C-alpha atoms as a PDB file:
ATOM      1  CA  UNK A   1       2.012  -2.139 -10.998  1.00  0.00           C
ATOM      2  CA  UNK A   2      -0.007   0.629  -9.078  1.00  0.00           C
ATOM      3  CA  UNK A   3       1.068   0.946  -4.978  1.00  0.00           C
ATOM      4  CA  UNK A   4      -0.855   2.422  -2.477  1.00  0.00           C
ATOM      5  CA  UNK A   5       1.170   3.545   0.866  1.00  0.00           C
ATOM      6  CA  UNK A   6      -1.034   3.961   3.664  1.00  0.00           C
ATOM      7  CA  UNK A   7      -0.277   4.824   7.331  1.00  0.00           C
ATOM      8  CA  UNK A   8      -0.206   7.335  10.195  1.00  0.00           C
ATOM      9  CA  UNK A   9       0.168  11.151   9.753  1.00  0.00           C
ATOM     10  CA  UNK A  10       2.474  12.352   6.958  1.00  0.00           C
ATOM     11  CA  UNK A  11       4.641   9.009   6.954  1.00  0.00           C
ATOM     12  CA  UNK A  12       2.816   7.563   3.699  1.00  0.00           C
ATOM     13  CA  UNK A  13       3.844  10.960   1.917  1.00  0.00           C
ATOM     14  CA  UNK A  14       7.365  10.894   3.571  1.00  0.00           C
ATOM     15  CA  UNK A  15       8.158   7.668   2.175  1.00  0.00           C
ATOM     16  CA  UNK A  16       6.773   8.098  -1.048  1.00  0.00           C
ATOM     17  CA  UNK A  17       8.618  11.564  -1.394  1.00  0.00           C
ATOM     18  CA  UNK A  18      12.117   9.907  -0.408  1.00  0.00           C
ATOM     19  CA  UNK A  19      11.386   7.274  -3.047  1.00  0.00           C
ATOM     20  CA  UNK A  20      10.880   9.646  -5.619  1.00  0.00           C
ATOM     21  CA  UNK A  21      14.237  11.246  -4.891  1.00  0.00           C
ATOM     22  CA  UNK A  22      15.931   7.900  -5.416  1.00  0.00           C
ATOM     23  CA  UNK A  23      13.811   6.314  -8.117  1.00  0.00           C
ATOM     24  CA  UNK A  24      12.553   9.371 -10.040  1.00  0.00           C
ATOM     25  CA  UNK A  25       8.899  10.111 -10.848  1.00  0.00           C
ATOM     26  CA  UNK A  26       7.308   6.598  -9.745  1.00  0.00           C
ATOM     27  CA  UNK A  27       3.621   7.660 -11.378  1.00  0.00           C
ATOM     28  CA  UNK A  28       2.353   4.140  -9.847  1.00  0.00           C
ATOM     29  CA  UNK A  29       2.799   5.272  -6.261  1.00  0.00           C
ATOM     30  CA  UNK A  30       0.604   7.004  -4.233  1.00  0.00           C
ATOM     31  CA  UNK A  31       0.042   7.730  -0.534  1.00  0.00           C
ATOM     32  CA  UNK A  32      -2.728   8.631   1.865  1.00  0.00           C
ATOM     33  CA  UNK A  33      -2.704   9.140   5.846  1.00  0.00           C
ATOM     34  CA  UNK A  34      -4.779   9.302   8.656  1.00  0.00           C
ATOM     35  CA  UNK A  35      -4.188  12.244  10.830  1.00  0.00           C
ATOM     36  CA  UNK A  36      -5.600  13.358  14.286  1.00  0.00           C
ATOM     37  CA  UNK A  37      -9.251  13.937  14.069  1.00  0.00           C
ATOM     38  CA  UNK A  38      -9.787  11.519  11.394  1.00  0.00           C
ATOM     39  CA  UNK A  39     -11.972   8.252  12.278  1.00  0.00           C
ATOM     40  CA  UNK A  40     -11.428   5.038  10.506  1.00  0.00           C
ATOM     41  CA  UNK A  41     -14.653   6.003   8.594  1.00  0.00           C
ATOM     42  CA  UNK A  42     -13.249   9.108   7.173  1.00  0.00           C
ATOM     43  CA  UNK A  43     -10.019   6.879   5.936  1.00  0.00           C
ATOM     44  CA  UNK A  44     -12.433   4.486   4.201  1.00  0.00           C
ATOM     45  CA  UNK A  45     -14.202   7.185   2.375  1.00  0.00           C
ATOM     46  CA  UNK A  46     -11.080   8.708   1.468  1.00  0.00           C
ATOM     47  CA  UNK A  47      -9.357   5.492   0.555  1.00  0.00           C
ATOM     48  CA  UNK A  48     -12.192   4.382  -1.713  1.00  0.00           C
ATOM     49  CA  UNK A  49     -12.167   7.377  -3.489  1.00  0.00           C
ATOM     50  CA  UNK A  50      -8.355   7.868  -4.055  1.00  0.00           C
ATOM     51  CA  UNK A  51      -8.718   3.657  -5.178  1.00  0.00           C
ATOM     52  CA  UNK A  52     -11.577   4.521  -7.658  1.00  0.00           C
ATOM     53  CA  UNK A  53      -9.245   7.259  -9.730  1.00  0.00           C
ATOM     54  CA  UNK A  54      -5.904   5.031  -8.671  1.00  0.00           C
ATOM     55  CA  UNK A  55      -6.720   1.457  -8.824  1.00  0.00           C
ATOM     56  CA  UNK A  56      -3.997   0.000  -6.645  1.00  0.00           C
ATOM     57  CA  UNK A  57      -2.303  -3.548  -7.144  1.00  0.00           C
ATOM     58  CA  UNK A  58      -0.504  -3.203  -3.870  1.00  0.00           C
ATOM     59  CA  UNK A  59      -1.220  -1.501  -0.529  1.00  0.00           C
ATOM     60  CA  UNK A  60       1.831  -1.165   1.762  1.00  0.00           C
ATOM     61  CA  UNK A  61       0.949   0.114   5.429  1.00  0.00           C
ATOM     62  CA  UNK A  62       3.254   1.290   8.091  1.00  0.00           C
ATOM     63  CA  UNK A  63       1.767  -1.073  11.212  1.00  0.00           C
ATOM     64  CA  UNK A  64       0.031  -4.219  11.214  1.00  0.00           C
ATOM     65  CA  UNK A  65      -3.215  -3.649  13.091  1.00  0.00           C
ATOM     66  CA  UNK A  66      -3.101  -0.056  12.947  1.00  0.00           C
ATOM     67  CA  UNK A  67      -6.250   1.951  11.759  1.00  0.00           C
ATOM     68  CA  UNK A  68      -4.671   2.379   8.208  1.00  0.00           C
ATOM     69  CA  UNK A  69      -3.763  -1.421   7.705  1.00  0.00           C
ATOM     70  CA  UNK A  70      -7.362  -2.410   9.210  1.00  0.00           C
ATOM     71  CA  UNK A  71      -9.371  -0.131   6.830  1.00  0.00           C
ATOM     72  CA  UNK A  72      -7.241  -1.202   3.745  1.00  0.00           C
ATOM     73  CA  UNK A  73      -8.066  -4.987   4.750  1.00  0.00           C
ATOM     74  CA  UNK A  74     -11.519  -4.470   5.500  1.00  0.00           C
ATOM     75  CA  UNK A  75     -11.666  -2.548   1.729  1.00  0.00           C
ATOM     76  CA  UNK A  76      -9.868  -5.374   0.207  1.00  0.00           C
ATOM     77  CA  UNK A  77     -11.673  -8.287   2.375  1.00  0.00           C
ATOM     78  CA  UNK A  78     -14.910  -6.610   1.367  1.00  0.00           C
ATOM     79  CA  UNK A  79     -14.451  -6.986  -2.331  1.00  0.00           C
ATOM     80  CA  UNK A  80     -14.913  -3.072  -2.531  1.00  0.00           C
ATOM     81  CA  UNK A  81     -11.866  -2.422  -4.746  1.00  0.00           C
ATOM     82  CA  UNK A  82     -11.139  -5.480  -7.109  1.00  0.00           C
ATOM     83  CA  UNK A  83      -7.626  -4.107  -8.326  1.00  0.00           C
ATOM     84  CA  UNK A  84      -6.087  -4.890  -4.833  1.00  0.00           C
ATOM     85  CA  UNK A  85      -4.269  -8.135  -5.038  1.00  0.00           C
ATOM     86  CA  UNK A  86      -1.886  -7.826  -1.917  1.00  0.00           C
ATOM     87  CA  UNK A  87      -1.649  -5.776   1.470  1.00  0.00           C
ATOM     88  CA  UNK A  88       1.908  -5.941   3.089  1.00  0.00           C
ATOM     89  CA  UNK A  89       2.318  -4.372   6.550  1.00  0.00           C
ATOM     90  CA  UNK A  90       5.582  -2.678   7.691  1.00  0.00           C
ATOM     91  CA  UNK A  91       6.338  -0.354   4.878  1.00  0.00           C
ATOM     92  CA  UNK A  92       9.722   1.046   4.737  1.00  0.00           C
ATOM     93  CA  UNK A  93      11.748   2.982   2.087  1.00  0.00           C
ATOM     94  CA  UNK A  94      13.503  -0.265   0.903  1.00  0.00           C
ATOM     95  CA  UNK A  95      10.381  -2.026   0.708  1.00  0.00           C
ATOM     96  CA  UNK A  96       8.713   0.547  -1.058  1.00  0.00           C
ATOM     97  CA  UNK A  97      11.847   0.855  -4.032  1.00  0.00           C
ATOM     98  CA  UNK A  98      11.696  -2.906  -4.456  1.00  0.00           C
ATOM     99  CA  UNK A  99       8.289  -2.984  -5.261  1.00  0.00           C
ATOM    100  CA  UNK A 100       8.236   0.250  -7.288  1.00  0.00           C
ATOM    101  CA  UNK A 101      11.126  -0.351  -9.235  1.00  0.00           C
ATOM    102  CA  UNK A 102      10.917  -4.067  -9.886  1.00  0.00           C
ATOM    103  CA  UNK A 103       9.444  -3.369 -13.610  1.00  0.00           C
ATOM    104  CA  UNK A 104       7.059  -6.345 -13.253  1.00  0.00           C
ATOM    105  CA  UNK A 105       3.438  -6.887 -12.669  1.00  0.00           C
ATOM    106  CA  UNK A 106       2.083  -7.798  -9.209  1.00  0.00           C
ATOM    107  CA  UNK A 107       1.204 -11.488 -10.512  1.00  0.00           C
ATOM    108  CA  UNK A 108       5.191 -11.860 -11.802  1.00  0.00           C
ATOM    109  CA  UNK A 109       6.591 -10.121  -8.855  1.00  0.00           C
ATOM    110  CA  UNK A 110       8.115 -12.863  -6.367  1.00  0.00           C
ATOM    111  CA  UNK A 111       6.925 -10.803  -3.097  1.00  0.00           C
ATOM    112  CA  UNK A 112       7.392 -13.484  -0.760  1.00  0.00           C
ATOM    113  CA  UNK A 113      11.493 -12.929  -1.200  1.00  0.00           C
ATOM    114  CA  UNK A 114      11.057  -9.282  -1.118  1.00  0.00           C
ATOM    115  CA  UNK A 115       8.750  -9.328   2.352  1.00  0.00           C
ATOM    116  CA  UNK A 116      11.124 -12.155   3.686  1.00  0.00           C
ATOM    117  CA  UNK A 117      14.102  -9.784   3.319  1.00  0.00           C
ATOM    118  CA  UNK A 118      12.571  -7.101   4.759  1.00  0.00           C
ATOM    119  CA  UNK A 119      10.290  -8.546   7.871  1.00  0.00           C
ATOM    120  CA  UNK A 120       7.197  -7.304   6.331  1.00  0.00           C
ATOM    121  CA  UNK A 121       3.836  -9.116   7.126  1.00  0.00           C
ATOM    122  CA  UNK A 122       1.332 -10.168   4.102  1.00  0.00           C
ATOM    123  CA  UNK A 123      -1.905  -8.954   5.565  1.00  0.00           C
ATOM    124  CA  UNK A 124      -4.021  -9.791   2.497  1.00  0.00           C
ATOM    125  CA  UNK A 125      -3.186 -11.834  -0.656  1.00  0.00           C
ATOM    126  CA  UNK A 126      -6.354 -11.806  -3.191  1.00  0.00           C
ATOM    127  CA  UNK A 127      -6.830 -15.540  -4.101  1.00  0.00           C
ATOM    128  CA  UNK A 128      -5.519 -16.892  -7.381  1.00  0.00           C
ATOM    129  CA  UNK A 129      -7.908 -17.160 -10.276  1.00  0.00           C
END
């Protein structure tokens, strides 16, 4: 499973860095941040470029309704990136570690259990084929 952590400022990279201190290299995890001066379009463009090289199954965002969450939802709902199966708002270190260290694919993962234990919010779930 590939995970993209998206959020405000340096928070996404800090979460990934901290997760790597605990879980090791975590090659299936990447991050992207929205910084002062960035527009939603800037973030969208960078996100699409990143997802072209790193087709994430799951996007964890820091804040439901925040710009990174809204941009991720628009990208997923617009069908611009077919790999995205799930977007979850409320990224935290425990949530990231649960997903990153699960050892299962997104289809086999019982995301509802993980999410209910952390208080995160599902913002997008791809339809099951």
